[in-house]
PDB file of N, CA and C in Angstrom:
ATOM      1  N   MET A   1       0.848  -1.181   0.000  1.00  0.00           N
ATOM      2  CA  MET A   1       0.000   0.000   0.000  1.00  0.00           C
ATOM      3  C   MET A   1       0.885   1.233   0.000  1.00  0.00           C
ATOM      4  N   THR A   2       0.396   2.266  -0.611  1.00  0.00           N
ATOM      5  CA  THR A   2       1.160   3.508  -0.660  1.00  0.00           C
ATOM      6  C   THR A   2       0.740   4.410   0.485  1.00  0.00           C
ATOM      7  N   TRP A   3       1.445   5.491   0.619  1.00  0.00           N
ATOM      8  CA  TRP A   3       1.151   6.417   1.715  1.00  0.00           C
ATOM      9  C   TRP A   3      -0.184   7.104   1.509  1.00  0.00           C
ATOM     10  N   ASN A   4      -0.689   7.191   0.278  1.00  0.00           N
ATOM     11  CA  ASN A   4      -1.995   7.808   0.031  1.00  0.00           C
ATOM     12  C   ASN A   4      -3.117   7.005   0.680  1.00  0.00           C
ATOM     13  N   VAL A   5      -3.005   5.712   0.634  1.00  0.00           N
ATOM     14  CA  VAL A   5      -4.034   4.857   1.233  1.00  0.00           C
ATOM     15  C   VAL A   5      -4.025   5.032   2.751  1.00  0.00           C
ATOM     16  N   TYR A   6      -2.846   5.057   3.332  1.00  0.00           N
ATOM     17  CA  TYR A   6      -2.758   5.273   4.784  1.00  0.00           C
ATOM     18  C   TYR A   6      -3.314   6.632   5.171  1.00  0.00           C
ATOM     19  N   LEU A   7      -3.054   7.627   4.355  1.00  0.00           N
ATOM     20  CA  LEU A   7      -3.563   8.969   4.636  1.00  0.00           C
ATOM     21  C   LEU A   7      -5.082   8.999   4.600  1.00  0.00           C
ATOM     22  N   VAL A   8      -5.688   8.326   3.644  1.00  0.00           N
ATOM     23  CA  VAL A   8      -7.150   8.264   3.547  1.00  0.00           C
ATOM     24  C   VAL A   8      -7.730   7.515   4.738  1.00  0.00           C
ATOM     25  N   ILE A   9      -7.096   6.419   5.127  1.00  0.00           N
ATOM     26  CA  ILE A   9      -7.580   5.649   6.281  1.00  0.00           C
ATOM     27  C   ILE A   9      -7.526   6.488   7.551  1.00  0.00           C
ATOM     28  N   ILE A  10      -6.430   7.190   7.771  1.00  0.00           N
ATOM     29  CA  ILE A  10      -6.298   8.046   8.956  1.00  0.00           C
ATOM     30  C   ILE A  10      -7.326   9.169   8.922  1.00  0.00           C
ATOM     31  N   PHE A  11      -7.551   9.752   7.761  1.00  0.00           N
ATOM     32  CA  PHE A  11      -8.537  10.818   7.640  1.00  0.00           C
ATOM     33  C   PHE A  11      -9.937  10.295   7.955  1.00  0.00           C
ATOM     34  N   LEU A  12     -10.293   9.133   7.454  1.00  0.00           N
ATOM     35  CA  LEU A  12     -11.619   8.568   7.716  1.00  0.00           C
ATOM     36  C   LEU A  12     -11.797   8.207   9.190  1.00  0.00           C
ATOM     37  N   MET A  13     -10.739   7.715   9.813  1.00  0.00           N
ATOM     38  CA  MET A  13     -10.820   7.416  11.246  1.00  0.00           C
ATOM     39  C   MET A  13     -10.997   8.696  12.059  1.00  0.00           C
ATOM     40  N   GLY A  14     -10.300   9.744  11.691  1.00  0.00           N
ATOM     41  CA  GLY A  14     -10.455  11.024  12.378  1.00  0.00           C
ATOM     42  C   GLY A  14     -11.842  11.604  12.182  1.00  0.00           C
ATOM     43  N   LEU A  15     -12.367  11.468  10.983  1.00  0.00           N
ATOM     44  CA  LEU A  15     -13.717  11.956  10.705  1.00  0.00           C
ATOM     45  C   LEU A  15     -14.753  11.179  11.512  1.00  0.00           C
ATOM     46  N   ALA A  16     -14.583   9.862  11.630  1.00  0.00           N
ATOM     47  CA  ALA A  16     -15.506   9.051  12.427  1.00  0.00           C
ATOM     48  C   ALA A  16     -15.431   9.438  13.900  1.00  0.00           C
ATOM     49  N   PHE A  17     -14.232   9.672  14.413  1.00  0.00           N
ATOM     50  CA  PHE A  17     -14.082  10.086  15.807  1.00  0.00           C
ATOM     51  C   PHE A  17     -14.739  11.444  16.048  1.00  0.00           C
ATOM     52  N   PHE A  18     -14.534  12.389  15.145  1.00  0.00           N
ATOM     53  CA  PHE A  18     -15.133  13.715  15.282  1.00  0.00           C
ATOM     54  C   PHE A  18     -16.658  13.625  15.234  1.00  0.00           C
ATOM     55  N   ALA A  19     -17.187  12.821  14.319  1.00  0.00           N
ATOM     56  CA  ALA A  19     -18.641  12.681  14.207  1.00  0.00           C
ATOM     57  C   ALA A  19     -19.231  12.049  15.464  1.00  0.00           C
ATOM     58  N   SER A  20     -18.549  11.072  16.042  1.00  0.00           N
ATOM     59  CA  SER A  20     -19.066  10.455  17.266  1.00  0.00           C
ATOM     60  C   SER A  20     -18.996  11.422  18.448  1.00  0.00           C
ATOM     61  N   ALA A  21     -17.984  12.266  18.489  1.00  0.00           N
ATOM     62  CA  ALA A  21     -17.896  13.261  19.563  1.00  0.00           C
ATOM     63  C   ALA A  21     -19.016  14.284  19.441  1.00  0.00           C
ATOM     64  N   VAL A  22     -19.299  14.742  18.229  1.00  0.00           N
ATOM     65  CA  VAL A  22     -20.397  15.698  18.019  1.00  0.00           C
ATOM     66  C   VAL A  22     -21.725  15.057  18.377  1.00  0.00           C
ATOM     67  N   TYR A  23     -21.915  13.799  17.970  1.00  0.00           N
ATOM     68  CA  TYR A  23     -23.150  13.098  18.308  1.00  0.00           C
ATOM     69  C   TYR A  23     -23.296  12.959  19.825  1.00  0.00           C
ATOM     70  N   GLY A  24     -22.221  12.621  20.519  1.00  0.00           N
ATOM     71  CA  GLY A  24     -22.279  12.483  21.967  1.00  0.00           C
ATOM     72  C   GLY A  24     -22.615  13.791  22.662  1.00  0.00           C
ATOM     73  N   LEU A  25     -22.064  14.894  22.199  1.00  0.00           N
ATOM     74  CA  LEU A  25     -22.385  16.196  22.795  1.00  0.00           C
ATOM     75  C   LEU A  25     -23.823  16.602  22.511  1.00  0.00           C
ATOM     76  N   MET A  26     -24.306  16.299  21.318  1.00  0.00           N
ATOM     77  CA  MET A  26     -25.700  16.612  20.999  1.00  0.00           C
ATOM     78  C   MET A  26     -26.648  15.778  21.860  1.00  0.00           C
ATOM     79  N   TRP A  27     -26.336  14.503  22.056  1.00  0.00           N
ATOM     80  CA  TRP A  27     -27.160  13.644  22.899  1.00  0.00           C
ATOM     81  C   TRP A  27     -27.181  14.155  24.337  1.00  0.00           C
ATOM     82  N   ALA A  28     -26.013  14.520  24.865  1.00  0.00           N
ATOM     83  CA  ALA A  28     -25.928  15.012  26.237  1.00  0.00           C
ATOM     84  C   ALA A  28     -26.698  16.310  26.397  1.00  0.00           C
ATOM     85  N   SER A  29     -26.666  17.155  25.389  1.00  0.00           N
ATOM     86  CA  SER A  29     -27.398  18.415  25.450  1.00  0.00           C
ATOM     87  C   SER A  29     -28.907  18.168  25.439  1.00  0.00           C
ATOM     88  N   LYS A  30     -29.371  17.250  24.611  1.00  0.00           N
ATOM     89  CA  LYS A  30     -30.809  16.951  24.546  1.00  0.00           C
ATOM     90  C   LYS A  30     -31.315  16.312  25.826  1.00  0.00           C
ATOM     91  N   LYS A  31     -30.496  15.494  26.477  1.00  0.00           N
ATOM     92  CA  LYS A  31     -30.901  14.795  27.702  1.00  0.00           C
ATOM     93  C   LYS A  31     -30.743  15.662  28.949  1.00  0.00           C
ATOM     94  N   GLY A  32     -30.201  16.871  28.808  1.00  0.00           N
ATOM     95  CA  GLY A  32     -30.066  17.765  29.947  1.00  0.00           C
ATOM     96  C   GLY A  32     -28.835  17.514  30.799  1.00  0.00           C
ATOM     97  N   GLN A  33     -27.873  16.804  30.278  1.00  0.00           N
ATOM     98  CA  GLN A  33     -26.667  16.492  31.036  1.00  0.00           C
ATOM     99  C   GLN A  33     -25.752  17.698  31.218  1.00  0.00           C
ATOM    100  N   LEU A  34     -25.905  18.724  30.385  1.00  0.00           N
ATOM    101  CA  LEU A  34     -25.001  19.868  30.409  1.00  0.00           C
ATOM    102  C   LEU A  34     -25.617  21.110  31.059  1.00  0.00           C
ATOM    103  N   LYS A  35     -26.749  20.952  31.733  1.00  0.00           N
ATOM    104  CA  LYS A  35     -27.438  22.125  32.267  1.00  0.00           C
ATOM    105  C   LYS A  35     -26.887  22.596  33.609  1.00  0.00           C
ATOM    106  N   ASP A  36     -26.775  21.703  34.585  1.00  0.00           N
ATOM    107  CA  ASP A  36     -26.402  22.120  35.936  1.00  0.00           C
ATOM    108  C   ASP A  36     -25.258  21.257  36.449  1.00  0.00           C
ATOM    109  N   PHE A  37     -24.043  21.744  36.268  1.00  0.00           N
ATOM    110  CA  PHE A  37     -22.871  20.987  36.701  1.00  0.00           C
ATOM    111  C   PHE A  37     -22.728  20.985  38.221  1.00  0.00           C
ATOM    112  N   ASP A  38     -23.107  22.072  38.890  1.00  0.00           N
ATOM    113  CA  ASP A  38     -22.935  22.157  40.335  1.00  0.00           C
ATOM    114  C   ASP A  38     -23.810  21.156  41.073  1.00  0.00           C
ATOM    115  N   LYS A  39     -25.006  20.930  40.586  1.00  0.00           N
ATOM    116  CA  LYS A  39     -25.903  19.970  41.228  1.00  0.00           C
ATOM    117  C   LYS A  39     -25.301  18.569  41.177  1.00  0.00           C
ATOM    118  N   GLY A  40     -24.772  18.201  40.041  1.00  0.00           N
ATOM    119  CA  GLY A  40     -24.177  16.878  39.907  1.00  0.00           C
ATOM    120  C   GLY A  40     -22.939  16.698  40.750  1.00  0.00           C
ATOM    121  N   SER A  41     -22.205  17.760  40.988  1.00  0.00           N
ATOM    122  CA  SER A  41     -20.980  17.636  41.781  1.00  0.00           C
ATOM    123  C   SER A  41     -21.281  17.547  43.274  1.00  0.00           C
ATOM    124  N   ARG A  42     -22.454  17.959  43.712  1.00  0.00           N
ATOM    125  CA  ARG A  42     -22.806  17.905  45.130  1.00  0.00           C
ATOM    126  C   ARG A  42     -23.583  16.648  45.494  1.00  0.00           C
ATOM    127  N   VAL A  43     -23.967  15.857  44.530  1.00  0.00           N
ATOM    128  CA  VAL A  43     -24.762  14.663  44.796  1.00  0.00           C
ATOM    129  C   VAL A  43     -23.982  13.660  45.637  1.00  0.00           C
ATOM    130  N   ILE A  44     -22.675  13.618  45.501  1.00  0.00           N
ATOM    131  CA  ILE A  44     -21.885  12.609  46.196  1.00  0.00           C
ATOM    132  C   ILE A  44     -21.693  12.929  47.674  1.00  0.00           C
ATOM    133  N   PHE A  45     -22.035  14.120  48.133  1.00  0.00           N
ATOM    134  CA  PHE A  45     -21.853  14.499  49.529  1.00  0.00           C
ATOM    135  C   PHE A  45     -23.142  14.251  50.312  1.00  0.00           C
ATOM    136  N   ASP A  46     -22.997  13.891  51.601  1.00  0.00           N
ATOM    137  CA  ASP A  46     -24.144  13.722  52.484  1.00  0.00           C
ATOM    138  C   ASP A  46     -23.764  14.215  53.872  1.00  0.00           C
ATOM    139  N   GLU A  47     -24.567  13.851  54.888  1.00  0.00           N
ATOM    140  CA  GLU A  47     -24.306  14.348  56.244  1.00  0.00           C
ATOM    141  C   GLU A  47     -23.020  13.762  56.827  1.00  0.00           C
ATOM    142  N   ASP A  48     -22.683  12.521  56.442  1.00  0.00           N
ATOM    143  CA  ASP A  48     -21.483  11.893  56.981  1.00  0.00           C
ATOM    144  C   ASP A  48     -20.211  12.489  56.386  1.00  0.00           C
ATOM    145  N   GLU A  49     -20.289  12.910  55.145  1.00  0.00           N
ATOM    146  CA  GLU A  49     -19.155  13.528  54.470  1.00  0.00           C
ATOM    147  C   GLU A  49     -19.603  14.853  53.867  1.00  0.00           C
ATOM    148  N   PRO A  50     -19.600  15.926  54.663  1.00  0.00           N
ATOM    149  CA  PRO A  50     -20.068  17.212  54.141  1.00  0.00           C
ATOM    150  C   PRO A  50     -19.104  17.805  53.116  1.00  0.00           C
ATOM    151  N   GLU A  51     -19.631  18.692  52.327  1.00  0.00           N
ATOM    152  CA  GLU A  51     -18.840  19.328  51.279  1.00  0.00           C
ATOM    153  C   GLU A  51     -17.806  20.261  51.892  1.00  0.00           C
ATOM    154  N   GLY A  52     -16.587  20.187  51.410  1.00  0.00           N
ATOM    155  CA  GLY A  52     -15.524  21.068  51.851  1.00  0.00           C
ATOM    156  C   GLY A  52     -14.745  20.577  53.050  1.00  0.00           C
ATOM    157  N   VAL A  53     -15.100  19.419  53.623  1.00  0.00           N
ATOM    158  CA  VAL A  53     -14.399  18.873  54.777  1.00  0.00           C
ATOM    159  C   VAL A  53     -13.622  17.646  54.319  1.00  0.00           C
ATOM    160  N   THR A  54     -12.333  17.627  54.591  1.00  0.00           N
ATOM    161  CA  THR A  54     -11.493  16.505  54.172  1.00  0.00           C
ATOM    162  C   THR A  54     -11.744  15.321  55.085  1.00  0.00           C
ATOM    163  N   GLN A  55     -12.149  14.222  54.503  1.00  0.00           N
ATOM    164  CA  GLN A  55     -12.416  13.003  55.270  1.00  0.00           C
ATOM    165  C   GLN A  55     -11.352  11.942  55.033  1.00  0.00           C
ATOM    166  N   ASP A  56     -10.799  11.917  53.852  1.00  0.00           N
ATOM    167  CA  ASP A  56      -9.831  10.890  53.480  1.00  0.00           C
ATOM    168  C   ASP A  56      -8.427  11.470  53.549  1.00  0.00           C
ATOM    169  N   ALA A  57      -7.489  10.646  53.932  1.00  0.00           N
ATOM    170  CA  ALA A  57      -6.092  11.074  53.967  1.00  0.00           C
ATOM    171  C   ALA A  57      -5.215   9.893  53.572  1.00  0.00           C
ATOM    172  N   PHE A  58      -4.125  10.169  52.929  1.00  0.00           N
ATOM    173  CA  PHE A  58      -3.184   9.135  52.564  1.00  0.00           C
ATOM    174  C   PHE A  58      -2.196   8.950  53.698  1.00  0.00           C
ATOM    175  N   PRO A  59      -1.877   7.722  54.034  1.00  0.00           N
ATOM    176  CA  PRO A  59      -0.888   7.505  55.107  1.00  0.00           C
ATOM    177  C   PRO A  59       0.487   7.943  54.643  1.00  0.00           C
ATOM    178  N   GLN A  60       1.252   8.443  55.581  1.00  0.00           N
ATOM    179  CA  GLN A  60       2.607   8.877  55.267  1.00  0.00           C
ATOM    180  C   GLN A  60       3.491   7.663  55.053  1.00  0.00           C
ATOM    181  N   ARG A  61       4.437   7.794  54.152  1.00  0.00           N
ATOM    182  CA  ARG A  61       5.386   6.710  53.905  1.00  0.00           C
ATOM    183  C   ARG A  61       6.355   6.634  55.076  1.00  0.00           C
ATOM    184  N   LYS A  62       6.478   5.450  55.624  1.00  0.00           N
ATOM    185  CA  LYS A  62       7.405   5.276  56.736  1.00  0.00           C
ATOM    186  C   LYS A  62       8.819   5.202  56.190  1.00  0.00           C
ATOM    187  N   ARG A  63       9.694   5.973  56.798  1.00  0.00           N
ATOM    188  CA  ARG A  63      11.091   5.957  56.370  1.00  0.00           C
ATOM    189  C   ARG A  63      11.781   4.770  57.008  1.00  0.00           C
ATOM    190  N   LYS A  64      12.538   4.090  56.222  1.00  0.00           N
ATOM    191  CA  LYS A  64      13.279   2.949  56.730  1.00  0.00           C
ATOM    192  C   LYS A  64      14.470   3.446  57.531  1.00  0.00           C
ATOM    193  N   LEU A  65      14.905   2.628  58.465  1.00  0.00           N
ATOM    194  CA  LEU A  65      16.010   3.017  59.328  1.00  0.00           C
ATOM    195  C   LEU A  65      17.273   3.279  58.525  1.00  0.00           C
ATOM    196  N   ARG A  66      17.491   2.508  57.486  1.00  0.00           N
ATOM    197  CA  ARG A  66      18.701   2.730  56.698  1.00  0.00           C
ATOM    198  C   ARG A  66      18.641   4.050  55.939  1.00  0.00           C
ATOM    199  N   ASP A  67      17.438   4.550  55.625  1.00  0.00           N
ATOM    200  CA  ASP A  67      17.321   5.850  54.972  1.00  0.00           C
ATOM    201  C   ASP A  67      17.664   6.984  55.936  1.00  0.00           C
ATOM    202  N   ILE A  68      17.368   6.795  57.192  1.00  0.00           N
ATOM    203  CA  ILE A  68      17.624   7.843  58.178  1.00  0.00           C
ATOM    204  C   ILE A  68      19.114   7.902  58.510  1.00  0.00           C
ATOM    205  N   ASP A  69      19.748   6.734  58.641  1.00  0.00           N
ATOM    206  CA  ASP A  69      21.150   6.691  59.036  1.00  0.00           C
ATOM    207  C   ASP A  69      22.108   7.061  57.917  1.00  0.00           C
ATOM    208  N   ARG A  70      21.689   6.938  56.686  1.00  0.00           N
ATOM    209  CA  ARG A  70      22.576   7.196  55.559  1.00  0.00           C
ATOM    210  C   ARG A  70      22.789   8.706  55.393  1.00  0.00           C
ATOM    211  N   PRO A  71      24.034   9.161  55.337  1.00  0.00           N
ATOM    212  CA  PRO A  71      24.253  10.600  55.130  1.00  0.00           C
ATOM    213  C   PRO A  71      23.859  10.995  53.710  1.00  0.00           C
ATOM    214  N   ARG A  72      23.355  12.173  53.585  1.00  0.00           N
ATOM    215  CA  ARG A  72      22.935  12.667  52.282  1.00  0.00           C
ATOM    216  C   ARG A  72      24.130  13.206  51.524  1.00  0.00           C
ATOM    217  N   ARG A  73      24.141  12.922  50.232  1.00  0.00           N
ATOM    218  CA  ARG A  73      25.212  13.439  49.391  1.00  0.00           C
ATOM    219  C   ARG A  73      24.821  14.826  48.902  1.00  0.00           C
ATOM    220  N   ILE A  74      25.748  15.731  48.977  1.00  0.00           N
ATOM    221  CA  ILE A  74      25.502  17.086  48.496  1.00  0.00           C
ATOM    222  C   ILE A  74      25.858  17.127  47.024  1.00  0.00           C
ATOM    223  N   GLN A  75      24.940  17.599  46.245  1.00  0.00           N
ATOM    224  CA  GLN A  75      25.173  17.697  44.814  1.00  0.00           C
ATOM    225  C   GLN A  75      26.135  18.846  44.523  1.00  0.00           C
ATOM    226  N   PRO A  76      26.954  18.721  43.479  1.00  0.00           N
ATOM    227  CA  PRO A  76      27.913  19.796  43.161  1.00  0.00           C
ATOM    228  C   PRO A  76      27.207  21.134  42.879  1.00  0.00           C
ATOM    229  N   GLU A  77      26.012  21.103  42.332  1.00  0.00           N
ATOM    230  CA  GLU A  77      25.305  22.366  42.052  1.00  0.00           C
ATOM    231  C   GLU A  77      24.961  23.098  43.346  1.00  0.00           C
ATOM    232  N   GLN A  78      24.707  22.316  44.419  1.00  0.00           N
ATOM    233  CA  GLN A  78      24.366  22.933  45.684  1.00  0.00           C
ATOM    234  C   GLN A  78      25.586  23.565  46.356  1.00  0.00           C
ATOM    235  N   GLU A  79      26.775  23.028  46.092  1.00  0.00           N
ATOM    236  CA  GLU A  79      27.986  23.564  46.700  1.00  0.00           C
ATOM    237  C   GLU A  79      28.475  24.815  45.980  1.00  0.00           C
ATOM    238  N   GLY A  80      28.028  24.996  44.757  1.00  0.00           N
ATOM    239  CA  GLY A  80      28.499  26.136  43.997  1.00  0.00           C
ATOM    240  C   GLY A  80      29.661  25.809  43.104  1.00  0.00           C
ATOM    241  N   THR A  81      30.106  24.556  43.064  1.00  0.00           N
ATOM    242  CA  THR A  81      31.187  24.159  42.189  1.00  0.00           C
ATOM    243  C   THR A  81      30.607  23.407  41.017  1.00  0.00           C
ATOM    244  N   ARG A  82      31.350  23.388  39.937  1.00  0.00           N
ATOM    245  CA  ARG A  82      30.910  22.666  38.754  1.00  0.00           C
ATOM    246  C   ARG A  82      31.937  21.597  38.428  1.00  0.00           C
ATOM    247  N   LEU A  83      31.456  20.513  37.861  1.00  0.00           N
ATOM    248  CA  LEU A  83      32.375  19.435  37.477  1.00  0.00           C
ATOM    249  C   LEU A  83      33.018  19.718  36.167  1.00  0.00           C
TER     250      LEU A  83
END
């Protein structure tokens, strides 16, 4: 196959993707999905987890003892010298 055939195939795939995106936006607009974004974002909150209050937290990574005892190497850029 020549590069012209590949170019046509890529163009048709791009056109199909664009048409499906336009169709999806038109469907969402007709169904009312794009009217009130704030209402949809508040649906997940309730009395147990109020809006604006942090409930979840990630645990801190525990440092291994060998990481604490190992002296840190100073990079040459930090000392002001260049290699």
